[in-house]
Amino acid sequence: MPIIVNLDVMMAKRKMSLNELSEKVDLTLSNLSILKTGKAKAIRFSTLEAICKALNCQPADILEYVEENKN
């Protein structure tokens, strides 16, 4: 998938655990884990907003587009 989720990078930069982020954004650990591992198929803007607020970052710090090579 050409969308890369860098949530783990931002969490490390902010020295925040998955448990702490889960409490701040009011999401279950399992839903955050799915997002963190890049297995999520979608994300609500309200969730993205809450994560950005908790991590003091921009959406582009978390989501990245990388074009796939088509040989």
PDB file of N, CA and C in Angstrom:
ATOM      1  N   MET A   1       0.847  -1.179   0.000  1.00  0.00           N
ATOM      2  CA  MET A   1       0.000   0.000   0.000  1.00  0.00           C
ATOM      3  C   MET A   1       0.892   1.243   0.000  1.00  0.00           C
ATOM      4  N   PRO A   2       0.583   2.208  -0.814  1.00  0.00           N
ATOM      5  CA  PRO A   2       1.455   3.384  -0.919  1.00  0.00           C
ATOM      6  C   PRO A   2       1.334   4.383   0.239  1.00  0.00           C
ATOM      7  N   ILE A   3       0.408   4.177   1.172  1.00  0.00           N
ATOM      8  CA  ILE A   3       0.325   5.052   2.343  1.00  0.00           C
ATOM      9  C   ILE A   3       1.065   4.384   3.500  1.00  0.00           C
ATOM     10  N   ILE A   4       2.083   5.070   4.000  1.00  0.00           N
ATOM     11  CA  ILE A   4       2.893   4.560   5.104  1.00  0.00           C
ATOM     12  C   ILE A   4       2.466   5.289   6.374  1.00  0.00           C
ATOM     13  N   VAL A   5       2.257   4.545   7.449  1.00  0.00           N
ATOM     14  CA  VAL A   5       1.879   5.120   8.737  1.00  0.00           C
ATOM     15  C   VAL A   5       3.122   5.181   9.615  1.00  0.00           C
ATOM     16  N   ASN A   6       3.494   6.389  10.003  1.00  0.00           N
ATOM     17  CA  ASN A   6       4.690   6.608  10.829  1.00  0.00           C
ATOM     18  C   ASN A   6       4.326   6.938  12.275  1.00  0.00           C
ATOM     19  N   LEU A   7       3.247   6.361  12.750  1.00  0.00           N
ATOM     20  CA  LEU A   7       2.800   6.629  14.111  1.00  0.00           C
ATOM     21  C   LEU A   7       3.852   6.213  15.133  1.00  0.00           C
ATOM     22  N   ASP A   8       4.479   5.073  14.923  1.00  0.00           N
ATOM     23  CA  ASP A   8       5.495   4.600  15.869  1.00  0.00           C
ATOM     24  C   ASP A   8       6.683   5.557  15.941  1.00  0.00           C
ATOM     25  N   VAL A   9       7.042   6.168  14.813  1.00  0.00           N
ATOM     26  CA  VAL A   9       8.146   7.134  14.779  1.00  0.00           C
ATOM     27  C   VAL A   9       7.801   8.356  15.627  1.00  0.00           C
ATOM     28  N   MET A  10       6.589   8.890  15.433  1.00  0.00           N
ATOM     29  CA  MET A  10       6.173  10.067  16.200  1.00  0.00           C
ATOM     30  C   MET A  10       6.036   9.752  17.683  1.00  0.00           C
ATOM     31  N   MET A  11       5.549   8.562  17.997  1.00  0.00           N
ATOM     32  CA  MET A  11       5.438   8.170  19.400  1.00  0.00           C
ATOM     33  C   MET A  11       6.820   8.094  20.047  1.00  0.00           C
ATOM     34  N   ALA A  12       7.785   7.566  19.314  1.00  0.00           N
ATOM     35  CA  ALA A  12       9.153   7.477  19.834  1.00  0.00           C
ATOM     36  C   ALA A  12       9.753   8.867  20.025  1.00  0.00           C
ATOM     37  N   LYS A  13       9.524   9.754  19.056  1.00  0.00           N
ATOM     38  CA  LYS A  13      10.044  11.125  19.168  1.00  0.00           C
ATOM     39  C   LYS A  13       9.460  11.846  20.375  1.00  0.00           C
ATOM     40  N   ARG A  14       8.213  11.565  20.702  1.00  0.00           N
ATOM     41  CA  ARG A  14       7.541  12.210  21.836  1.00  0.00           C
ATOM     42  C   ARG A  14       7.670  11.392  23.117  1.00  0.00           C
ATOM     43  N   LYS A  15       8.372  10.258  23.031  1.00  0.00           N
ATOM     44  CA  LYS A  15       8.566   9.362  24.174  1.00  0.00           C
ATOM     45  C   LYS A  15       7.222   9.003  24.825  1.00  0.00           C
ATOM     46  N   MET A  16       6.281   8.598  23.965  1.00  0.00           N
ATOM     47  CA  MET A  16       4.940   8.248  24.430  1.00  0.00           C
ATOM     48  C   MET A  16       4.656   6.779  24.120  1.00  0.00           C
ATOM     49  N   SER A  17       4.135   6.079  25.090  1.00  0.00           N
ATOM     50  CA  SER A  17       3.805   4.665  24.898  1.00  0.00           C
ATOM     51  C   SER A  17       2.439   4.529  24.234  1.00  0.00           C
ATOM     52  N   LEU A  18       2.188   3.349  23.722  1.00  0.00           N
ATOM     53  CA  LEU A  18       0.892   3.059  23.110  1.00  0.00           C
ATOM     54  C   LEU A  18      -0.219   3.189  24.151  1.00  0.00           C
ATOM     55  N   ASN A  19       0.045   2.746  25.374  1.00  0.00           N
ATOM     56  CA  ASN A  19      -0.943   2.861  26.450  1.00  0.00           C
ATOM     57  C   ASN A  19      -1.283   4.320  26.737  1.00  0.00           C
ATOM     58  N   GLU A  20      -0.254   5.157  26.811  1.00  0.00           N
ATOM     59  CA  GLU A  20      -0.468   6.572  27.107  1.00  0.00           C
ATOM     60  C   GLU A  20      -1.246   7.259  25.985  1.00  0.00           C
ATOM     61  N   LEU A  21      -0.869   6.970  24.745  1.00  0.00           N
ATOM     62  CA  LEU A  21      -1.575   7.556  23.608  1.00  0.00           C
ATOM     63  C   LEU A  21      -3.026   7.074  23.578  1.00  0.00           C
ATOM     64  N   SER A  22      -3.222   5.811  23.862  1.00  0.00           N
ATOM     65  CA  SER A  22      -4.564   5.236  23.889  1.00  0.00           C
ATOM     66  C   SER A  22      -5.466   5.990  24.872  1.00  0.00           C
ATOM     67  N   GLU A  23      -4.942   6.299  26.035  1.00  0.00           N
ATOM     68  CA  GLU A  23      -5.715   7.038  27.034  1.00  0.00           C
ATOM     69  C   GLU A  23      -5.999   8.470  26.574  1.00  0.00           C
ATOM     70  N   LYS A  24      -4.999   9.117  25.960  1.00  0.00           N
ATOM     71  CA  LYS A  24      -5.158  10.517  25.554  1.00  0.00           C
ATOM     72  C   LYS A  24      -6.148  10.684  24.409  1.00  0.00           C
ATOM     73  N   VAL A  25      -6.198   9.720  23.492  1.00  0.00           N
ATOM     74  CA  VAL A  25      -7.078   9.860  22.330  1.00  0.00           C
ATOM     75  C   VAL A  25      -8.357   9.038  22.460  1.00  0.00           C
ATOM     76  N   ASP A  26      -8.490   8.325  23.573  1.00  0.00           N
ATOM     77  CA  ASP A  26      -9.689   7.524  23.850  1.00  0.00           C
ATOM     78  C   ASP A  26      -9.961   6.493  22.753  1.00  0.00           C
ATOM     79  N   LEU A  27      -8.911   5.747  22.399  1.00  0.00           N
ATOM     80  CA  LEU A  27      -9.021   4.624  21.466  1.00  0.00           C
ATOM     81  C   LEU A  27      -8.511   3.373  22.156  1.00  0.00           C
ATOM     82  N   THR A  28      -9.022   2.230  21.737  1.00  0.00           N
ATOM     83  CA  THR A  28      -8.543   0.980  22.323  1.00  0.00           C
ATOM     84  C   THR A  28      -7.115   0.704  21.865  1.00  0.00           C
ATOM     85  N   LEU A  29      -6.404  -0.051  22.678  1.00  0.00           N
ATOM     86  CA  LEU A  29      -5.044  -0.444  22.310  1.00  0.00           C
ATOM     87  C   LEU A  29      -5.031  -1.210  20.993  1.00  0.00           C
ATOM     88  N   SER A  30      -6.035  -2.049  20.797  1.00  0.00           N
ATOM     89  CA  SER A  30      -6.056  -2.859  19.583  1.00  0.00           C
ATOM     90  C   SER A  30      -6.254  -1.988  18.344  1.00  0.00           C
ATOM     91  N   ASN A  31      -7.120  -0.973  18.401  1.00  0.00           N
ATOM     92  CA  ASN A  31      -7.317  -0.086  17.254  1.00  0.00           C
ATOM     93  C   ASN A  31      -6.070   0.744  16.965  1.00  0.00           C
ATOM     94  N   LEU A  32      -5.418   1.229  18.015  1.00  0.00           N
ATOM     95  CA  LEU A  32      -4.180   1.982  17.810  1.00  0.00           C
ATOM     96  C   LEU A  32      -3.081   1.086  17.251  1.00  0.00           C
ATOM     97  N   SER A  33      -3.025  -0.135  17.716  1.00  0.00           N
ATOM     98  CA  SER A  33      -2.032  -1.081  17.229  1.00  0.00           C
ATOM     99  C   SER A  33      -2.223  -1.380  15.745  1.00  0.00           C
ATOM    100  N   ILE A  34      -3.472  -1.541  15.327  1.00  0.00           N
ATOM    101  CA  ILE A  34      -3.778  -1.772  13.907  1.00  0.00           C
ATOM    102  C   ILE A  34      -3.310  -0.588  13.070  1.00  0.00           C
ATOM    103  N   LEU A  35      -3.549   0.602  13.573  1.00  0.00           N
ATOM    104  CA  LEU A  35      -3.107   1.801  12.862  1.00  0.00           C
ATOM    105  C   LEU A  35      -1.579   1.887  12.839  1.00  0.00           C
ATOM    106  N   LYS A  36      -0.953   1.637  13.973  1.00  0.00           N
ATOM    107  CA  LYS A  36       0.503   1.732  14.100  1.00  0.00           C
ATOM    108  C   LYS A  36       1.228   0.756  13.178  1.00  0.00           C
ATOM    109  N   THR A  37       0.670  -0.420  13.001  1.00  0.00           N
ATOM    110  CA  THR A  37       1.321  -1.432  12.161  1.00  0.00           C
ATOM    111  C   THR A  37       1.005  -1.261  10.676  1.00  0.00           C
ATOM    112  N   GLY A  38       0.169  -0.274  10.355  1.00  0.00           N
ATOM    113  CA  GLY A  38      -0.143  -0.019   8.948  1.00  0.00           C
ATOM    114  C   GLY A  38      -1.198  -0.944   8.379  1.00  0.00           C
ATOM    115  N   LYS A  39      -1.905  -1.663   9.230  1.00  0.00           N
ATOM    116  CA  LYS A  39      -2.929  -2.611   8.761  1.00  0.00           C
ATOM    117  C   LYS A  39      -4.312  -1.986   8.634  1.00  0.00           C
ATOM    118  N   ALA A  40      -4.448  -0.729   9.073  1.00  0.00           N
ATOM    119  CA  ALA A  40      -5.746  -0.055   8.996  1.00  0.00           C
ATOM    120  C   ALA A  40      -6.075   0.285   7.549  1.00  0.00           C
ATOM    121  N   LYS A  41      -7.336   0.170   7.197  1.00  0.00           N
ATOM    122  CA  LYS A  41      -7.801   0.501   5.843  1.00  0.00           C
ATOM    123  C   LYS A  41      -8.291   1.939   5.763  1.00  0.00           C
ATOM    124  N   ALA A  42      -8.585   2.548   6.915  1.00  0.00           N
ATOM    125  CA  ALA A  42      -9.107   3.915   6.942  1.00  0.00           C
ATOM    126  C   ALA A  42      -8.839   4.514   8.319  1.00  0.00           C
ATOM    127  N   ILE A  43      -8.930   5.847   8.380  1.00  0.00           N
ATOM    128  CA  ILE A  43      -8.828   6.547   9.658  1.00  0.00           C
ATOM    129  C   ILE A  43      -9.787   7.733   9.611  1.00  0.00           C
ATOM    130  N   ARG A  44     -10.519   7.926  10.668  1.00  0.00           N
ATOM    131  CA  ARG A  44     -11.437   9.068  10.750  1.00  0.00           C
ATOM    132  C   ARG A  44     -10.626  10.333  10.993  1.00  0.00           C
ATOM    133  N   PHE A  45     -11.112  11.433  10.424  1.00  0.00           N
ATOM    134  CA  PHE A  45     -10.439  12.712  10.645  1.00  0.00           C
ATOM    135  C   PHE A  45     -10.432  13.068  12.124  1.00  0.00           C
ATOM    136  N   SER A  46     -11.486  12.725  12.840  1.00  0.00           N
ATOM    137  CA  SER A  46     -11.539  13.024  14.275  1.00  0.00           C
ATOM    138  C   SER A  46     -10.456  12.249  15.031  1.00  0.00           C
ATOM    139  N   THR A  47     -10.188  11.020  14.610  1.00  0.00           N
ATOM    140  CA  THR A  47      -9.126  10.220  15.223  1.00  0.00           C
ATOM    141  C   THR A  47      -7.767  10.812  14.892  1.00  0.00           C
ATOM    142  N   LEU A  48      -7.573  11.172  13.631  1.00  0.00           N
ATOM    143  CA  LEU A  48      -6.310  11.780  13.207  1.00  0.00           C
ATOM    144  C   LEU A  48      -6.076  13.089  13.964  1.00  0.00           C
ATOM    145  N   GLU A  49      -7.129  13.872  14.117  1.00  0.00           N
ATOM    146  CA  GLU A  49      -7.026  15.135  14.857  1.00  0.00           C
ATOM    147  C   GLU A  49      -6.608  14.883  16.307  1.00  0.00           C
ATOM    148  N   ALA A  50      -7.223  13.911  16.949  1.00  0.00           N
ATOM    149  CA  ALA A  50      -6.903  13.597  18.346  1.00  0.00           C
ATOM    150  C   ALA A  50      -5.458  13.117  18.492  1.00  0.00           C
ATOM    151  N   ILE A  51      -5.002  12.300  17.557  1.00  0.00           N
ATOM    152  CA  ILE A  51      -3.625  11.801  17.595  1.00  0.00           C
ATOM    153  C   ILE A  51      -2.650  12.958  17.396  1.00  0.00           C
ATOM    154  N   CYS A  52      -2.938  13.828  16.426  1.00  0.00           N
ATOM    155  CA  CYS A  52      -2.063  14.975  16.170  1.00  0.00           C
ATOM    156  C   CYS A  52      -2.008  15.900  17.386  1.00  0.00           C
ATOM    157  N   LYS A  53      -3.141  16.094  18.025  1.00  0.00           N
ATOM    158  CA  LYS A  53      -3.189  16.949  19.219  1.00  0.00           C
ATOM    159  C   LYS A  53      -2.365  16.329  20.350  1.00  0.00           C
ATOM    160  N   ALA A  54      -2.529  15.032  20.562  1.00  0.00           N
ATOM    161  CA  ALA A  54      -1.808  14.347  21.644  1.00  0.00           C
ATOM    162  C   ALA A  54      -0.303  14.313  21.397  1.00  0.00           C
ATOM    163  N   LEU A  55       0.089  14.174  20.125  1.00  0.00           N
ATOM    164  CA  LEU A  55       1.518  14.085  19.790  1.00  0.00           C
ATOM    165  C   LEU A  55       2.113  15.427  19.371  1.00  0.00           C
ATOM    166  N   ASN A  56       1.269  16.473  19.361  1.00  0.00           N
ATOM    167  CA  ASN A  56       1.720  17.804  18.951  1.00  0.00           C
ATOM    168  C   ASN A  56       2.441  17.742  17.606  1.00  0.00           C
ATOM    169  N   CYS A  57       1.721  17.247  16.591  1.00  0.00           N
ATOM    170  CA  CYS A  57       2.299  17.088  15.264  1.00  0.00           C
ATOM    171  C   CYS A  57       1.260  17.374  14.188  1.00  0.00           C
ATOM    172  N   GLN A  58       1.661  17.260  12.953  1.00  0.00           N
ATOM    173  CA  GLN A  58       0.798  17.457  11.801  1.00  0.00           C
ATOM    174  C   GLN A  58       0.443  16.097  11.195  1.00  0.00           C
ATOM    175  N   PRO A  59      -0.676  15.994  10.448  1.00  0.00           N
ATOM    176  CA  PRO A  59      -1.025  14.721   9.813  1.00  0.00           C
ATOM    177  C   PRO A  59       0.098  14.162   8.935  1.00  0.00           C
ATOM    178  N   ALA A  60       0.845  15.052   8.271  1.00  0.00           N
ATOM    179  CA  ALA A  60       1.942  14.596   7.406  1.00  0.00           C
ATOM    180  C   ALA A  60       3.082  13.969   8.202  1.00  0.00           C
ATOM    181  N   ASP A  61       3.151  14.227   9.503  1.00  0.00           N
ATOM    182  CA  ASP A  61       4.156  13.578  10.341  1.00  0.00           C
ATOM    183  C   ASP A  61       3.799  12.115  10.582  1.00  0.00           C
ATOM    184  N   ILE A  62       2.524  11.792  10.430  1.00  0.00           N
ATOM    185  CA  ILE A  62       2.035  10.438  10.706  1.00  0.00           C
ATOM    186  C   ILE A  62       1.792   9.643   9.425  1.00  0.00           C
ATOM    187  N   LEU A  63       1.248  10.304   8.409  1.00  0.00           N
ATOM    188  CA  LEU A  63       0.911   9.630   7.155  1.00  0.00           C
ATOM    189  C   LEU A  63       1.829  10.098   6.035  1.00  0.00           C
ATOM    190  N   GLU A  64       2.304   9.150   5.243  1.00  0.00           N
ATOM    191  CA  GLU A  64       3.233   9.446   4.146  1.00  0.00           C
ATOM    192  C   GLU A  64       2.808   8.678   2.903  1.00  0.00           C
ATOM    193  N   TYR A  65       2.856   9.333   1.772  1.00  0.00           N
ATOM    194  CA  TYR A  65       2.539   8.680   0.504  1.00  0.00           C
ATOM    195  C   TYR A  65       3.831   8.317  -0.195  1.00  0.00           C
ATOM    196  N   VAL A  66       3.971   7.043  -0.566  1.00  0.00           N
ATOM    197  CA  VAL A  66       5.130   6.566  -1.314  1.00  0.00           C
ATOM    198  C   VAL A  66       4.606   5.830  -2.545  1.00  0.00           C
ATOM    199  N   GLU A  67       4.954   6.343  -3.701  1.00  0.00           N
ATOM    200  CA  GLU A  67       4.467   5.748  -4.936  1.00  0.00           C
ATOM    201  C   GLU A  67       5.054   4.354  -5.132  1.00  0.00           C
ATOM    202  N   GLU A  68       4.184   3.427  -5.524  1.00  0.00           N
ATOM    203  CA  GLU A  68       4.632   2.052  -5.761  1.00  0.00           C
ATOM    204  C   GLU A  68       5.300   1.961  -7.124  1.00  0.00           C
ATOM    205  N   ASN A  69       6.329   1.142  -7.202  1.00  0.00           N
ATOM    206  CA  ASN A  69       6.967   0.885  -8.511  1.00  0.00           C
ATOM    207  C   ASN A  69       6.137  -0.129  -9.278  1.00  0.00           C
ATOM    208  N   LYS A  70       5.812   0.214 -10.509  1.00  0.00           N
ATOM    209  CA  LYS A  70       5.040  -0.709 -11.349  1.00  0.00           C
ATOM    210  C   LYS A  70       5.928  -1.129 -12.500  1.00  0.00           C
ATOM    211  N   ASN A  71       6.486  -2.306 -12.361  1.00  0.00           N
ATOM    212  CA  ASN A  71       7.411  -2.821 -13.396  1.00  0.00           C
ATOM    213  C   ASN A  71       6.672  -3.563 -14.469  1.00  0.00           C
TER     214      ASN A  71
END
